[in-house]
Amino acid sequence: MGNADHRNEQKILGRIIQEYAEMWADVILDKNLVKSLLEITRDINYVDGLIARRHAQKLNTDSYVKIANQLARLEKIIWEKIKSSTA
């Protein structure tokens, strides 16, 4: 992986982490749940791709797995809130 690719990945991961914090605020306030769900699904897919690529290159994936797990946790909470608001 080239330096430019690595910097781009880090930039995207930084955006994901920042959005994650903002999403928590929206979820707590029951705002923008569907939008947050779409964004988090996109981010989970991106991080999963990074994990697979790094694993194939035999690189450490620990921090990526932690990010993916936190995103999955928030995704589950959003789904629960959406289901409870439509019930």
PDB file of N, CA and C in Angstrom:
ATOM      1  N   MET A   1       0.855  -1.167   0.000  1.00  0.00           N
ATOM      2  CA  MET A   1       0.000   0.000   0.000  1.00  0.00           C
ATOM      3  C   MET A   1       0.906   1.236   0.000  1.00  0.00           C
ATOM      4  N   GLY A   2       0.608   2.176  -0.871  1.00  0.00           N
ATOM      5  CA  GLY A   2       1.399   3.385  -0.959  1.00  0.00           C
ATOM      6  C   GLY A   2       1.056   4.366   0.142  1.00  0.00           C
ATOM      7  N   ASN A   3       1.935   5.333   0.319  1.00  0.00           N
ATOM      8  CA  ASN A   3       1.703   6.355   1.344  1.00  0.00           C
ATOM      9  C   ASN A   3       0.427   7.147   1.077  1.00  0.00           C
ATOM     10  N   ALA A   4       0.158   7.441  -0.191  1.00  0.00           N
ATOM     11  CA  ALA A   4      -1.056   8.203  -0.530  1.00  0.00           C
ATOM     12  C   ALA A   4      -2.303   7.404  -0.164  1.00  0.00           C
ATOM     13  N   ASP A   5      -2.294   6.100  -0.426  1.00  0.00           N
ATOM     14  CA  ASP A   5      -3.430   5.246  -0.065  1.00  0.00           C
ATOM     15  C   ASP A   5      -3.627   5.224   1.441  1.00  0.00           C
ATOM     16  N   HIS A   6      -2.525   5.093   2.162  1.00  0.00           N
ATOM     17  CA  HIS A   6      -2.593   5.045   3.621  1.00  0.00           C
ATOM     18  C   HIS A   6      -3.129   6.363   4.185  1.00  0.00           C
ATOM     19  N   ARG A   7      -2.647   7.488   3.658  1.00  0.00           N
ATOM     20  CA  ARG A   7      -3.142   8.788   4.118  1.00  0.00           C
ATOM     21  C   ARG A   7      -4.625   8.949   3.819  1.00  0.00           C
ATOM     22  N   ASN A   8      -5.049   8.473   2.651  1.00  0.00           N
ATOM     23  CA  ASN A   8      -6.464   8.555   2.296  1.00  0.00           C
ATOM     24  C   ASN A   8      -7.313   7.704   3.240  1.00  0.00           C
ATOM     25  N   GLU A   9      -6.845   6.501   3.550  1.00  0.00           N
ATOM     26  CA  GLU A   9      -7.566   5.642   4.498  1.00  0.00           C
ATOM     27  C   GLU A   9      -7.674   6.324   5.857  1.00  0.00           C
ATOM     28  N   GLN A  10      -6.581   6.908   6.324  1.00  0.00           N
ATOM     29  CA  GLN A  10      -6.583   7.570   7.624  1.00  0.00           C
ATOM     30  C   GLN A  10      -7.527   8.770   7.627  1.00  0.00           C
ATOM     31  N   LYS A  11      -7.576   9.491   6.530  1.00  0.00           N
ATOM     32  CA  LYS A  11      -8.478  10.633   6.403  1.00  0.00           C
ATOM     33  C   LYS A  11      -9.936  10.156   6.469  1.00  0.00           C
ATOM     34  N   ILE A  12     -10.242   9.083   5.764  1.00  0.00           N
ATOM     35  CA  ILE A  12     -11.608   8.549   5.767  1.00  0.00           C
ATOM     36  C   ILE A  12     -11.963   8.007   7.144  1.00  0.00           C
ATOM     37  N   LEU A  13     -11.034   7.308   7.778  1.00  0.00           N
ATOM     38  CA  LEU A  13     -11.294   6.804   9.131  1.00  0.00           C
ATOM     39  C   LEU A  13     -11.516   7.957  10.105  1.00  0.00           C
ATOM     40  N   GLY A  14     -10.779   9.033   9.958  1.00  0.00           N
ATOM     41  CA  GLY A  14     -10.991  10.209  10.797  1.00  0.00           C
ATOM     42  C   GLY A  14     -12.386  10.772  10.622  1.00  0.00           C
ATOM     43  N   ARG A  15     -12.853  10.820   9.370  1.00  0.00           N
ATOM     44  CA  ARG A  15     -14.214  11.299   9.091  1.00  0.00           C
ATOM     45  C   ARG A  15     -15.240  10.371   9.717  1.00  0.00           C
ATOM     46  N   ILE A  16     -15.018   9.072   9.595  1.00  0.00           N
ATOM     47  CA  ILE A  16     -15.953   8.097  10.165  1.00  0.00           C
ATOM     48  C   ILE A  16     -16.043   8.271  11.677  1.00  0.00           C
ATOM     49  N   ILE A  17     -14.906   8.423  12.328  1.00  0.00           N
ATOM     50  CA  ILE A  17     -14.896   8.579  13.784  1.00  0.00           C
ATOM     51  C   ILE A  17     -15.603   9.862  14.196  1.00  0.00           C
ATOM     52  N   GLN A  18     -15.380  10.939  13.464  1.00  0.00           N
ATOM     53  CA  GLN A  18     -16.057  12.205  13.775  1.00  0.00           C
ATOM     54  C   GLN A  18     -17.564  12.067  13.567  1.00  0.00           C
ATOM     55  N   GLU A  19     -17.973  11.453  12.461  1.00  0.00           N
ATOM     56  CA  GLU A  19     -19.400  11.257  12.202  1.00  0.00           C
ATOM     57  C   GLU A  19     -20.034  10.356  13.260  1.00  0.00           C
ATOM     58  N   TYR A  20     -19.269   9.377  13.737  1.00  0.00           N
ATOM     59  CA  TYR A  20     -19.758   8.454  14.753  1.00  0.00           C
ATOM     60  C   TYR A  20     -20.177   9.235  16.005  1.00  0.00           C
ATOM     61  N   ALA A  21     -19.351  10.163  16.423  1.00  0.00           N
ATOM     62  CA  ALA A  21     -19.681  10.973  17.603  1.00  0.00           C
ATOM     63  C   ALA A  21     -20.921  11.820  17.351  1.00  0.00           C
ATOM     64  N   GLU A  22     -21.014  12.396  16.160  1.00  0.00           N
ATOM     65  CA  GLU A  22     -22.185  13.203  15.822  1.00  0.00           C
ATOM     66  C   GLU A  22     -23.454  12.339  15.739  1.00  0.00           C
ATOM     67  N   MET A  23     -23.310  11.128  15.221  1.00  0.00           N
ATOM     68  CA  MET A  23     -24.467  10.227  15.128  1.00  0.00           C
ATOM     69  C   MET A  23     -25.004   9.877  16.505  1.00  0.00           C
ATOM     70  N   TRP A  24     -24.096   9.649  17.459  1.00  0.00           N
ATOM     71  CA  TRP A  24     -24.551   9.331  18.819  1.00  0.00           C
ATOM     72  C   TRP A  24     -25.451  10.439  19.345  1.00  0.00           C
ATOM     73  N   ALA A  25     -25.077  11.673  19.093  1.00  0.00           N
ATOM     74  CA  ALA A  25     -25.902  12.794  19.553  1.00  0.00           C
ATOM     75  C   ALA A  25     -27.272  12.742  18.891  1.00  0.00           C
ATOM     76  N   ASP A  26     -27.317  12.494  17.588  1.00  0.00           N
ATOM     77  CA  ASP A  26     -28.594  12.387  16.884  1.00  0.00           C
ATOM     78  C   ASP A  26     -29.430  11.223  17.410  1.00  0.00           C
ATOM     79  N   VAL A  27     -28.785  10.101  17.654  1.00  0.00           N
ATOM     80  CA  VAL A  27     -29.501   8.911  18.136  1.00  0.00           C
ATOM     81  C   VAL A  27     -30.093   9.172  19.517  1.00  0.00           C
ATOM     82  N   ILE A  28     -29.332   9.808  20.377  1.00  0.00           N
ATOM     83  CA  ILE A  28     -29.836  10.129  21.720  1.00  0.00           C
ATOM     84  C   ILE A  28     -31.069  11.017  21.621  1.00  0.00           C
ATOM     85  N   LEU A  29     -31.071  11.935  20.655  1.00  0.00           N
ATOM     86  CA  LEU A  29     -32.194  12.858  20.472  1.00  0.00           C
ATOM     87  C   LEU A  29     -33.266  12.307  19.520  1.00  0.00           C
ATOM     88  N   ASP A  30     -33.086  11.075  19.061  1.00  0.00           N
ATOM     89  CA  ASP A  30     -34.005  10.451  18.088  1.00  0.00           C
ATOM     90  C   ASP A  30     -34.131  11.300  16.821  1.00  0.00           C
ATOM     91  N   LYS A  31     -33.033  11.831  16.353  1.00  0.00           N
ATOM     92  CA  LYS A  31     -33.017  12.650  15.141  1.00  0.00           C
ATOM     93  C   LYS A  31     -32.265  11.921  14.033  1.00  0.00           C
ATOM     94  N   ASN A  32     -32.729  12.093  12.815  1.00  0.00           N
ATOM     95  CA  ASN A  32     -32.013  11.605  11.624  1.00  0.00           C
ATOM     96  C   ASN A  32     -31.646  10.128  11.702  1.00  0.00           C
ATOM     97  N   LEU A  33     -32.538   9.300  12.243  1.00  0.00           N
ATOM     98  CA  LEU A  33     -32.197   7.897  12.442  1.00  0.00           C
ATOM     99  C   LEU A  33     -31.977   7.160  11.128  1.00  0.00           C
ATOM    100  N   VAL A  34     -32.841   7.382  10.152  1.00  0.00           N
ATOM    101  CA  VAL A  34     -32.690   6.673   8.883  1.00  0.00           C
ATOM    102  C   VAL A  34     -31.417   7.128   8.170  1.00  0.00           C
ATOM    103  N   LYS A  35     -31.163   8.420   8.175  1.00  0.00           N
ATOM    104  CA  LYS A  35     -29.940   8.947   7.565  1.00  0.00           C
ATOM    105  C   LYS A  35     -28.710   8.368   8.265  1.00  0.00           C
ATOM    106  N   SER A  36     -28.745   8.336   9.579  1.00  0.00           N
ATOM    107  CA  SER A  36     -27.625   7.779  10.342  1.00  0.00           C
ATOM    108  C   SER A  36     -27.431   6.302  10.019  1.00  0.00           C
ATOM    109  N   LEU A  37     -28.530   5.580   9.881  1.00  0.00           N
ATOM    110  CA  LEU A  37     -28.438   4.152   9.568  1.00  0.00           C
ATOM    111  C   LEU A  37     -27.781   3.941   8.208  1.00  0.00           C
ATOM    112  N   LEU A  38     -28.172   4.727   7.222  1.00  0.00           N
ATOM    113  CA  LEU A  38     -27.570   4.605   5.889  1.00  0.00           C
ATOM    114  C   LEU A  38     -26.076   4.925   5.931  1.00  0.00           C
ATOM    115  N   GLU A  39     -25.709   5.971   6.651  1.00  0.00           N
ATOM    116  CA  GLU A  39     -24.302   6.361   6.745  1.00  0.00           C
ATOM    117  C   GLU A  39     -23.479   5.317   7.482  1.00  0.00           C
ATOM    118  N   ILE A  40     -24.038   4.786   8.553  1.00  0.00           N
ATOM    119  CA  ILE A  40     -23.273   3.820   9.338  1.00  0.00           C
ATOM    120  C   ILE A  40     -23.112   2.506   8.582  1.00  0.00           C
ATOM    121  N   THR A  41     -24.116   2.135   7.795  1.00  0.00           N
ATOM    122  CA  THR A  41     -24.006   0.930   6.980  1.00  0.00           C
ATOM    123  C   THR A  41     -22.893   1.102   5.946  1.00  0.00           C
ATOM    124  N   ARG A  42     -22.836   2.275   5.323  1.00  0.00           N
ATOM    125  CA  ARG A  42     -21.765   2.578   4.364  1.00  0.00           C
ATOM    126  C   ARG A  42     -20.404   2.495   5.050  1.00  0.00           C
ATOM    127  N   ASP A  43     -20.308   3.076   6.247  1.00  0.00           N
ATOM    128  CA  ASP A  43     -19.034   3.097   6.962  1.00  0.00           C
ATOM    129  C   ASP A  43     -18.606   1.699   7.399  1.00  0.00           C
ATOM    130  N   ILE A  44     -19.551   0.893   7.843  1.00  0.00           N
ATOM    131  CA  ILE A  44     -19.232  -0.489   8.235  1.00  0.00           C
ATOM    132  C   ILE A  44     -18.683  -1.244   7.031  1.00  0.00           C
ATOM    133  N   ASN A  45     -19.313  -1.092   5.887  1.00  0.00           N
ATOM    134  CA  ASN A  45     -18.834  -1.774   4.682  1.00  0.00           C
ATOM    135  C   ASN A  45     -17.419  -1.317   4.317  1.00  0.00           C
ATOM    136  N   TYR A  46     -17.150  -0.029   4.444  1.00  0.00           N
ATOM    137  CA  TYR A  46     -15.818   0.489   4.137  1.00  0.00           C
ATOM    138  C   TYR A  46     -14.776  -0.095   5.096  1.00  0.00           C
ATOM    139  N   VAL A  47     -15.065  -0.047   6.394  1.00  0.00           N
ATOM    140  CA  VAL A  47     -14.102  -0.554   7.384  1.00  0.00           C
ATOM    141  C   VAL A  47     -13.913  -2.058   7.225  1.00  0.00           C
ATOM    142  N   ASP A  48     -14.984  -2.789   6.930  1.00  0.00           N
ATOM    143  CA  ASP A  48     -14.851  -4.229   6.689  1.00  0.00           C
ATOM    144  C   ASP A  48     -13.915  -4.496   5.512  1.00  0.00           C
ATOM    145  N   GLY A  49     -14.012  -3.669   4.470  1.00  0.00           N
ATOM    146  CA  GLY A  49     -13.110  -3.805   3.331  1.00  0.00           C
ATOM    147  C   GLY A  49     -11.663  -3.543   3.718  1.00  0.00           C
ATOM    148  N   LEU A  50     -11.449  -2.534   4.557  1.00  0.00           N
ATOM    149  CA  LEU A  50     -10.098  -2.249   5.042  1.00  0.00           C
ATOM    150  C   LEU A  50      -9.551  -3.422   5.856  1.00  0.00           C
ATOM    151  N   ILE A  51     -10.397  -3.988   6.686  1.00  0.00           N
ATOM    152  CA  ILE A  51      -9.967  -5.126   7.513  1.00  0.00           C
ATOM    153  C   ILE A  51      -9.554  -6.288   6.615  1.00  0.00           C
ATOM    154  N   ALA A  52     -10.370  -6.587   5.620  1.00  0.00           N
ATOM    155  CA  ALA A  52     -10.056  -7.697   4.710  1.00  0.00           C
ATOM    156  C   ALA A  52      -8.755  -7.434   3.956  1.00  0.00           C
ATOM    157  N   ARG A  53      -8.577  -6.206   3.475  1.00  0.00           N
ATOM    158  CA  ARG A  53      -7.368  -5.857   2.726  1.00  0.00           C
ATOM    159  C   ARG A  53      -6.127  -5.936   3.617  1.00  0.00           C
ATOM    160  N   ARG A  54      -6.233  -5.398   4.831  1.00  0.00           N
ATOM    161  CA  ARG A  54      -5.085  -5.436   5.744  1.00  0.00           C
ATOM    162  C   ARG A  54      -4.782  -6.864   6.187  1.00  0.00           C
ATOM    163  N   HIS A  55      -5.831  -7.644   6.394  1.00  0.00           N
ATOM    164  CA  HIS A  55      -5.627  -9.042   6.785  1.00  0.00           C
ATOM    165  C   HIS A  55      -4.901  -9.798   5.665  1.00  0.00           C
ATOM    166  N   ALA A  56      -5.310  -9.548   4.416  1.00  0.00           N
ATOM    167  CA  ALA A  56      -4.668 -10.209   3.275  1.00  0.00           C
ATOM    168  C   ALA A  56      -3.193  -9.819   3.172  1.00  0.00           C
ATOM    169  N   GLN A  57      -2.865  -8.602   3.605  1.00  0.00           N
ATOM    170  CA  GLN A  57      -1.476  -8.131   3.575  1.00  0.00           C
ATOM    171  C   GLN A  57      -0.726  -8.483   4.859  1.00  0.00           C
ATOM    172  N   LYS A  58      -1.407  -9.229   5.732  1.00  0.00           N
ATOM    173  CA  LYS A  58      -0.834  -9.644   7.012  1.00  0.00           C
ATOM    174  C   LYS A  58      -0.437  -8.445   7.877  1.00  0.00           C
ATOM    175  N   LEU A  59      -1.265  -7.389   7.829  1.00  0.00           N
ATOM    176  CA  LEU A  59      -1.062  -6.203   8.651  1.00  0.00           C
ATOM    177  C   LEU A  59      -2.012  -6.240   9.845  1.00  0.00           C
ATOM    178  N   ASN A  60      -1.668  -5.521  10.880  1.00  0.00           N
ATOM    179  CA  ASN A  60      -2.492  -5.472  12.089  1.00  0.00           C
ATOM    180  C   ASN A  60      -3.852  -4.835  11.784  1.00  0.00           C
ATOM    181  N   THR A  61      -4.903  -5.479  12.272  1.00  0.00           N
ATOM    182  CA  THR A  61      -6.266  -4.981  12.046  1.00  0.00           C
ATOM    183  C   THR A  61      -6.982  -4.626  13.343  1.00  0.00           C
ATOM    184  N   ASP A  62      -6.292  -4.687  14.469  1.00  0.00           N
ATOM    185  CA  ASP A  62      -6.945  -4.500  15.769  1.00  0.00           C
ATOM    186  C   ASP A  62      -7.745  -3.205  15.865  1.00  0.00           C
ATOM    187  N   SER A  63      -7.148  -2.081  15.498  1.00  0.00           N
ATOM    188  CA  SER A  63      -7.857  -0.809  15.628  1.00  0.00           C
ATOM    189  C   SER A  63      -9.048  -0.745  14.670  1.00  0.00           C
ATOM    190  N   TYR A  64      -8.916  -1.342  13.496  1.00  0.00           N
ATOM    191  CA  TYR A  64     -10.006  -1.358  12.531  1.00  0.00           C
ATOM    192  C   TYR A  64     -11.172  -2.215  13.029  1.00  0.00           C
ATOM    193  N   VAL A  65     -10.837  -3.333  13.655  1.00  0.00           N
ATOM    194  CA  VAL A  65     -11.873  -4.206  14.212  1.00  0.00           C
ATOM    195  C   VAL A  65     -12.615  -3.489  15.341  1.00  0.00           C
ATOM    196  N   LYS A  66     -11.887  -2.744  16.163  1.00  0.00           N
ATOM    197  CA  LYS A  66     -12.536  -1.988  17.241  1.00  0.00           C
ATOM    198  C   LYS A  66     -13.499  -0.953  16.675  1.00  0.00           C
ATOM    199  N   ILE A  67     -13.076  -0.253  15.624  1.00  0.00           N
ATOM    200  CA  ILE A  67     -13.952   0.736  14.983  1.00  0.00           C
ATOM    201  C   ILE A  67     -15.180   0.046  14.413  1.00  0.00           C
ATOM    202  N   ALA A  68     -14.980  -1.061  13.723  1.00  0.00           N
ATOM    203  CA  ALA A  68     -16.111  -1.802  13.128  1.00  0.00           C
ATOM    204  C   ALA A  68     -17.077  -2.268  14.204  1.00  0.00           C
ATOM    205  N   ASN A  69     -16.557  -2.737  15.321  1.00  0.00           N
ATOM    206  CA  ASN A  69     -17.423  -3.202  16.411  1.00  0.00           C
ATOM    207  C   ASN A  69     -18.254  -2.062  16.993  1.00  0.00           C
ATOM    208  N   GLN A  70     -17.634  -0.896  17.155  1.00  0.00           N
ATOM    209  CA  GLN A  70     -18.374   0.255  17.683  1.00  0.00           C
ATOM    210  C   GLN A  70     -19.450   0.712  16.699  1.00  0.00           C
ATOM    211  N   LEU A  71     -19.121   0.688  15.417  1.00  0.00           N
ATOM    212  CA  LEU A  71     -20.115   1.054  14.409  1.00  0.00           C
ATOM    213  C   LEU A  71     -21.274   0.061  14.414  1.00  0.00           C
ATOM    214  N   ALA A  72     -20.963  -1.221  14.532  1.00  0.00           N
ATOM    215  CA  ALA A  72     -22.009  -2.246  14.570  1.00  0.00           C
ATOM    216  C   ALA A  72     -22.891  -2.078  15.802  1.00  0.00           C
ATOM    217  N   ARG A  73     -22.287  -1.712  16.907  1.00  0.00           N
ATOM    218  CA  ARG A  73     -23.053  -1.472  18.142  1.00  0.00           C
ATOM    219  C   ARG A  73     -24.046  -0.323  17.944  1.00  0.00           C
ATOM    220  N   LEU A  74     -23.569   0.770  17.344  1.00  0.00           N
ATOM    221  CA  LEU A  74     -24.444   1.909  17.093  1.00  0.00           C
ATOM    222  C   LEU A  74     -25.518   1.550  16.073  1.00  0.00           C
ATOM    223  N   GLU A  75     -25.150   0.766  15.062  1.00  0.00           N
ATOM    224  CA  GLU A  75     -26.127   0.337  14.057  1.00  0.00           C
ATOM    225  C   GLU A  75     -27.272  -0.434  14.717  1.00  0.00           C
ATOM    226  N   LYS A  76     -26.933  -1.311  15.640  1.00  0.00           N
ATOM    227  CA  LYS A  76     -27.950  -2.094  16.343  1.00  0.00           C
ATOM    228  C   LYS A  76     -28.880  -1.184  17.143  1.00  0.00           C
ATOM    229  N   ILE A  77     -28.316  -0.210  17.819  1.00  0.00           N
ATOM    230  CA  ILE A  77     -29.122   0.723  18.612  1.00  0.00           C
ATOM    231  C   ILE A  77     -30.051   1.534  17.710  1.00  0.00           C
ATOM    232  N   ILE A  78     -29.528   1.975  16.574  1.00  0.00           N
ATOM    233  CA  ILE A  78     -30.363   2.741  15.642  1.00  0.00           C
ATOM    234  C   ILE A  78     -31.521   1.887  15.152  1.00  0.00           C
ATOM    235  N   TRP A  79     -31.237   0.631  14.780  1.00  0.00           N
ATOM    236  CA  TRP A  79     -32.308  -0.265  14.330  1.00  0.00           C
ATOM    237  C   TRP A  79     -33.369  -0.429  15.413  1.00  0.00           C
ATOM    238  N   GLU A  80     -32.948  -0.599  16.660  1.00  0.00           N
ATOM    239  CA  GLU A  80     -33.896  -0.753  17.767  1.00  0.00           C
ATOM    240  C   GLU A  80     -34.763   0.494  17.909  1.00  0.00           C
ATOM    241  N   LYS A  81     -34.162   1.676  17.794  1.00  0.00           N
ATOM    242  CA  LYS A  81     -34.921   2.920  17.907  1.00  0.00           C
ATOM    243  C   LYS A  81     -35.894   3.073  16.744  1.00  0.00           C
ATOM    244  N   ILE A  82     -35.477   2.715  15.547  1.00  0.00           N
ATOM    245  CA  ILE A  82     -36.356   2.811  14.381  1.00  0.00           C
ATOM    246  C   ILE A  82     -37.546   1.856  14.560  1.00  0.00           C
ATOM    247  N   LYS A  83     -37.257   0.637  14.974  1.00  0.00           N
ATOM    248  CA  LYS A  83     -38.340  -0.345  15.187  1.00  0.00           C
ATOM    249  C   LYS A  83     -39.309   0.118  16.253  1.00  0.00           C
ATOM    250  N   SER A  84     -38.791   0.676  17.351  1.00  0.00           N
ATOM    251  CA  SER A  84     -39.678   1.096  18.432  1.00  0.00           C
ATOM    252  C   SER A  84     -40.495   2.324  18.041  1.00  0.00           C
ATOM    253  N   SER A  85     -39.970   3.167  17.143  1.00  0.00           N
ATOM    254  CA  SER A  85     -40.718   4.355  16.742  1.00  0.00           C
ATOM    255  C   SER A  85     -41.792   4.033  15.714  1.00  0.00           C
ATOM    256  N   THR A  86     -41.681   2.892  15.047  1.00  0.00           N
ATOM    257  CA  THR A  86     -42.691   2.504  14.052  1.00  0.00           C
ATOM    258  C   THR A  86     -43.676   1.475  14.614  1.00  0.00           C
ATOM    259  N   ALA A  87     -43.452   1.041  15.835  1.00  0.00           N
ATOM    260  CA  ALA A  87     -44.334   0.019  16.436  1.00  0.00           C
ATOM    261  C   ALA A  87     -45.610   0.631  16.965  1.00  0.00           C
TER     262      ALA A  87
END
